Amino acid sequence: MIKLLLLEDDHVLAESLIELLQSENFDIVHVVNSQGALNQTFLQNFDLFLLDVNVPLFNGFELLKNLRDSGDKTPAIFLTALNDIASLSKGFDVGADDYIKKPFDFDELIIRINAILKKQYHTYSNELILNDFHFFIEKNELYKSNIFIPLTPYELKLVLLFFKNMNTTLTKDFLIDSLADYKEMSEGALRVHITNLRKIGLPIVTIKGIGYRFASS
């Protein structure tokens, strides 16, 4: 499941956004101030940040600059009432991927989120194909020969990572760290999940002493 960090101190808007995003099958972590957001980025990995700017403690611009300076490349969208050109410029200067001015249309937000998520898979299409497997980004679903493949949260997270990094070897430490959002993860548990994905036919190969990758088709 795609995990989003929502920084929004307007509780009414936050409740509406959470309801909308959960209806689109996103996993939402909501915080009301910038320090809370920063703390969450240390505790778990996210696929996207949705950040208000005028929030308690320090503003969203400072938060994202802090994250970018620390090497965090998670895509980020600012959701803000600041509609002047200087603020727009500042938002992109500190590392935003998009900037949406309040009030905004909820459908437009979903479109923009999905557009950014597609870029993480290095594609403009909603569908990724590997042999007879089809992965649909917006629905977060895997099919084999047009048959839906149900996955556990751990398996889905691994599938997301492999499809995002089609031509890259993913280290065991990276995969274990990515799965640790759900529970304490070990190398043995990782091997079990990899084995389960291989059983459905996904071409995952072991790179001895390093990790795993999708085999070339």
Protein backbone atom coordinates (compact mmCIF):
# COMPACT_ATOMS: atom_id res chain seq x y z
CA MET A 1 0.00 0.00 0.00
CA ILE A 2 1.24 3.48 -0.87
CA LYS A 3 2.03 5.41 2.33
CA LEU A 4 1.54 9.19 2.49
CA LEU A 5 2.61 11.63 5.19
CA LEU A 6 0.03 14.41 5.56
CA LEU A 7 1.09 17.58 7.39
CA GLU A 8 -2.06 19.65 7.92
CA ASP A 9 -3.09 21.58 11.05
CA ASP A 10 -6.61 22.37 9.83
CA HIS A 11 -8.46 19.42 11.38
CA VAL A 12 -11.58 19.78 9.22
CA LEU A 13 -9.57 19.77 5.98
CA ALA A 14 -7.35 16.97 7.31
CA GLU A 15 -10.35 14.76 8.06
CA SER A 16 -11.71 15.31 4.54
CA LEU A 17 -8.33 14.58 2.97
CA ILE A 18 -7.83 11.44 5.02
CA GLU A 19 -11.27 10.15 4.04
CA LEU A 20 -10.58 10.90 0.37
CA LEU A 21 -7.11 9.38 0.32
CA GLN A 22 -8.14 6.26 2.21
CA SER A 23 -10.98 5.76 -0.29
CA GLU A 24 -8.23 5.66 -2.95
CA ASN A 25 -6.43 2.94 -0.93
CA PHE A 26 -3.63 5.14 0.37
CA ASP A 27 -2.20 4.57 3.85
CA ILE A 28 -2.17 7.94 5.65
CA VAL A 29 -0.07 9.16 8.56
CA HIS A 30 -1.40 12.54 9.73
CA VAL A 31 0.56 15.08 11.78
CA VAL A 32 -0.31 18.65 12.76
CA ASN A 33 3.12 20.27 13.12
CA SER A 34 6.47 20.20 11.39
CA GLN A 35 8.36 18.50 14.22
CA GLY A 36 5.82 15.69 14.21
CA ALA A 37 6.35 15.31 10.47
CA LEU A 38 10.11 15.25 10.90
CA ASN A 39 9.85 12.64 13.63
CA GLN A 40 7.70 10.40 11.45
CA THR A 41 10.24 10.50 8.61
CA PHE A 42 12.81 9.07 11.03
CA LEU A 43 10.45 6.31 12.15
CA GLN A 44 9.18 5.06 8.79
CA ASN A 45 9.47 5.35 5.03
CA PHE A 46 6.92 7.20 2.93
CA ASP A 47 6.10 7.21 -0.78
CA LEU A 48 4.91 10.83 -0.82
CA PHE A 49 4.71 13.91 1.42
CA LEU A 50 1.66 16.21 1.40
CA LEU A 51 2.75 19.35 3.25
CA ASP A 52 0.96 22.47 4.37
CA VAL A 53 3.28 25.49 4.71
CA ASN A 54 1.90 27.62 7.54
CA VAL A 55 2.06 25.06 10.35
CA PRO A 56 3.20 25.23 14.00
CA LEU A 57 6.86 25.21 15.10
CA PHE A 58 8.61 25.72 11.74
CA ASN A 59 7.03 26.05 8.33
CA GLY A 60 6.70 23.48 5.58
CA PHE A 61 9.37 25.12 3.45
CA GLU A 62 11.91 24.75 6.25
CA LEU A 63 10.79 21.18 6.88
CA LEU A 64 11.29 20.09 3.28
CA LYS A 65 14.64 21.90 3.01
CA ASN A 66 15.76 20.07 6.16
CA LEU A 67 14.69 16.74 4.65
CA ARG A 68 16.33 17.43 1.28
CA ASP A 69 19.57 18.54 2.97
CA SER A 70 19.59 15.23 4.87
CA GLY A 71 19.29 13.29 1.61
CA ASP A 72 15.57 12.45 1.74
CA LYS A 73 14.32 12.32 -1.87
CA THR A 74 10.70 11.37 -1.13
CA PRO A 75 8.39 13.21 -3.56
CA ALA A 76 6.57 16.14 -1.97
CA ILE A 77 3.53 18.25 -2.78
CA PHE A 78 2.81 21.52 -1.00
CA LEU A 79 -0.88 22.18 -0.22
CA THR A 80 -1.05 25.83 0.78
CA ALA A 81 -3.08 29.03 0.80
CA LEU A 82 0.06 30.95 -0.22
CA ASN A 83 -0.66 31.87 -3.83
CA ASP A 84 2.00 34.48 -4.61
CA ILE A 85 4.81 33.85 -7.08
CA ALA A 86 7.51 34.25 -4.42
CA SER A 87 6.02 31.43 -2.34
CA LEU A 88 5.57 29.25 -5.41
CA SER A 89 9.22 29.82 -6.31
CA LYS A 90 10.30 29.10 -2.73
CA GLY A 91 8.37 25.84 -2.71
CA PHE A 92 10.15 24.50 -5.76
CA ASP A 93 13.51 25.90 -4.64
CA VAL A 94 13.43 23.80 -1.45
CA GLY A 95 12.64 20.63 -3.39
CA ALA A 96 8.89 20.30 -4.00
CA ASP A 97 7.65 18.16 -6.88
CA ASP A 98 4.33 20.02 -7.08
CA TYR A 99 2.59 23.01 -5.51
CA ILE A 100 -1.20 23.15 -5.15
CA LYS A 101 -2.96 26.31 -4.02
CA LYS A 102 -5.87 26.13 -1.60
CA PRO A 103 -8.76 25.77 -2.10
CA PHE A 104 -8.21 22.91 -4.52
CA ASP A 105 -10.34 20.28 -6.18
CA PHE A 106 -9.96 16.87 -4.53
CA ASP A 107 -10.07 15.09 -7.89
CA GLU A 108 -7.21 17.28 -9.11
CA LEU A 109 -5.17 16.32 -6.05
CA ILE A 110 -5.61 12.62 -6.80
CA ILE A 111 -4.59 13.19 -10.44
CA ARG A 112 -1.44 15.02 -9.35
CA ILE A 113 -0.55 12.38 -6.76
CA ASN A 114 -0.89 9.60 -9.32
CA ALA A 115 1.21 11.54 -11.84
CA ILE A 116 4.05 11.82 -9.33
CA LEU A 117 3.79 8.17 -8.35
CA LYS A 118 4.06 7.14 -12.02
CA LYS A 119 7.32 9.08 -12.30
CA GLN A 120 8.72 6.97 -9.46
CA TYR A 121 8.25 3.98 -11.75
CA HIS A 122 9.96 5.85 -14.61
CA THR A 123 6.85 5.74 -16.75
CA TYR A 124 3.95 7.91 -17.89
CA SER A 125 1.71 4.86 -18.17
CA ASN A 126 -0.50 3.42 -15.44
CA GLU A 127 0.57 -0.11 -16.38
CA LEU A 128 3.93 -1.82 -15.99
CA ILE A 129 4.56 -5.12 -17.76
CA LEU A 130 7.07 -7.82 -16.86
CA ASN A 131 6.67 -11.07 -18.80
CA ASP A 132 3.03 -12.08 -18.18
CA PHE A 133 2.70 -9.85 -15.10
CA HIS A 134 0.88 -6.51 -15.23
CA PHE A 135 1.16 -4.06 -12.37
CA PHE A 136 -1.36 -1.18 -12.25
CA ILE A 137 0.12 1.80 -10.42
CA GLU A 138 -3.03 3.75 -9.58
CA LYS A 139 -4.87 0.68 -8.26
CA ASN A 140 -1.74 -0.80 -6.67
CA GLU A 141 -2.68 -4.23 -8.04
CA LEU A 142 -0.75 -7.09 -9.61
CA TYR A 143 -2.18 -9.37 -12.31
CA LYS A 144 -0.80 -12.45 -13.99
CA SER A 145 -2.35 -13.33 -17.35
CA ASN A 146 -5.29 -11.04 -16.45
CA ILE A 147 -5.84 -12.82 -13.12
CA PHE A 148 -5.64 -10.68 -9.98
CA ILE A 149 -2.90 -11.77 -7.57
CA PRO A 150 -3.73 -11.02 -3.91
CA LEU A 151 -0.68 -9.99 -1.89
CA THR A 152 0.04 -9.46 1.79
CA PRO A 153 1.20 -5.94 2.80
CA TYR A 154 4.80 -7.19 2.94
CA GLU A 155 4.62 -8.80 -0.49
CA LEU A 156 2.95 -5.74 -2.02
CA LYS A 157 5.66 -3.48 -0.60
CA LEU A 158 8.33 -5.72 -2.14
CA VAL A 159 6.53 -5.76 -5.49
CA LEU A 160 6.37 -1.94 -5.43
CA LEU A 161 10.09 -1.73 -4.72
CA PHE A 162 11.05 -4.18 -7.48
CA PHE A 163 8.86 -2.47 -10.08
CA LYS A 164 10.22 0.95 -9.10
CA ASN A 165 13.75 -0.39 -9.57
CA MET A 166 13.36 -2.68 -12.58
CA ASN A 167 17.04 -2.61 -13.56
CA THR A 168 18.58 -2.28 -10.13
CA THR A 169 19.82 -4.72 -7.51
CA LEU A 170 18.18 -3.98 -4.16
CA THR A 171 20.32 -4.76 -1.16
CA LYS A 172 19.05 -6.95 1.65
CA ASP A 173 19.56 -4.11 4.14
CA PHE A 174 17.50 -1.73 1.98
CA LEU A 175 14.64 -4.22 1.67
CA ILE A 176 14.66 -5.09 5.37
CA ASP A 177 14.62 -1.40 6.27
CA SER A 178 11.75 -0.75 3.84
CA LEU A 179 9.65 -3.55 5.36
CA ALA A 180 10.40 -2.51 8.93
CA ASP A 181 7.51 -0.01 8.81
CA TYR A 182 5.18 -2.92 9.41
CA LYS A 183 7.08 -4.92 12.03
CA GLU A 184 10.58 -5.87 13.06
CA MET A 185 12.01 -7.54 9.99
CA SER A 186 14.86 -10.03 9.68
CA GLU A 187 16.83 -11.49 6.80
CA GLY A 188 15.05 -14.81 7.33
CA ALA A 189 11.62 -13.16 7.12
CA LEU A 190 12.70 -11.34 3.96
CA ARG A 191 13.69 -14.68 2.37
CA VAL A 192 10.23 -16.07 3.18
CA HIS A 193 8.51 -13.14 1.42
CA ILE A 194 10.84 -13.41 -1.58
CA THR A 195 10.08 -17.14 -1.80
CA ASN A 196 6.33 -16.44 -1.76
CA LEU A 197 6.70 -13.98 -4.65
CA ARG A 198 8.77 -16.49 -6.61
CA LYS A 199 6.04 -19.09 -6.12
CA ILE A 200 3.59 -16.92 -8.09
CA GLY A 201 6.18 -16.67 -10.86
CA LEU A 202 7.84 -13.29 -10.34
CA PRO A 203 11.39 -13.54 -11.75
CA ILE A 204 13.32 -12.47 -8.66
CA VAL A 205 16.95 -13.54 -8.71
CA THR A 206 19.46 -13.56 -5.88
CA ILE A 207 22.61 -11.49 -6.28
CA LYS A 208 24.92 -13.40 -3.97
CA GLY A 209 26.12 -11.41 -0.99
CA ILE A 210 24.18 -8.30 -2.04
CA GLY A 211 20.43 -8.72 -2.47
CA TYR A 212 17.79 -9.32 -5.13
CA ARG A 213 16.55 -7.97 -8.45
CA PHE A 214 14.07 -8.73 -11.19
CA ALA A 215 15.60 -10.98 -13.83
CA SER A 216 15.87 -9.58 -17.33
CA SER A 217 13.02 -10.75 -19.52
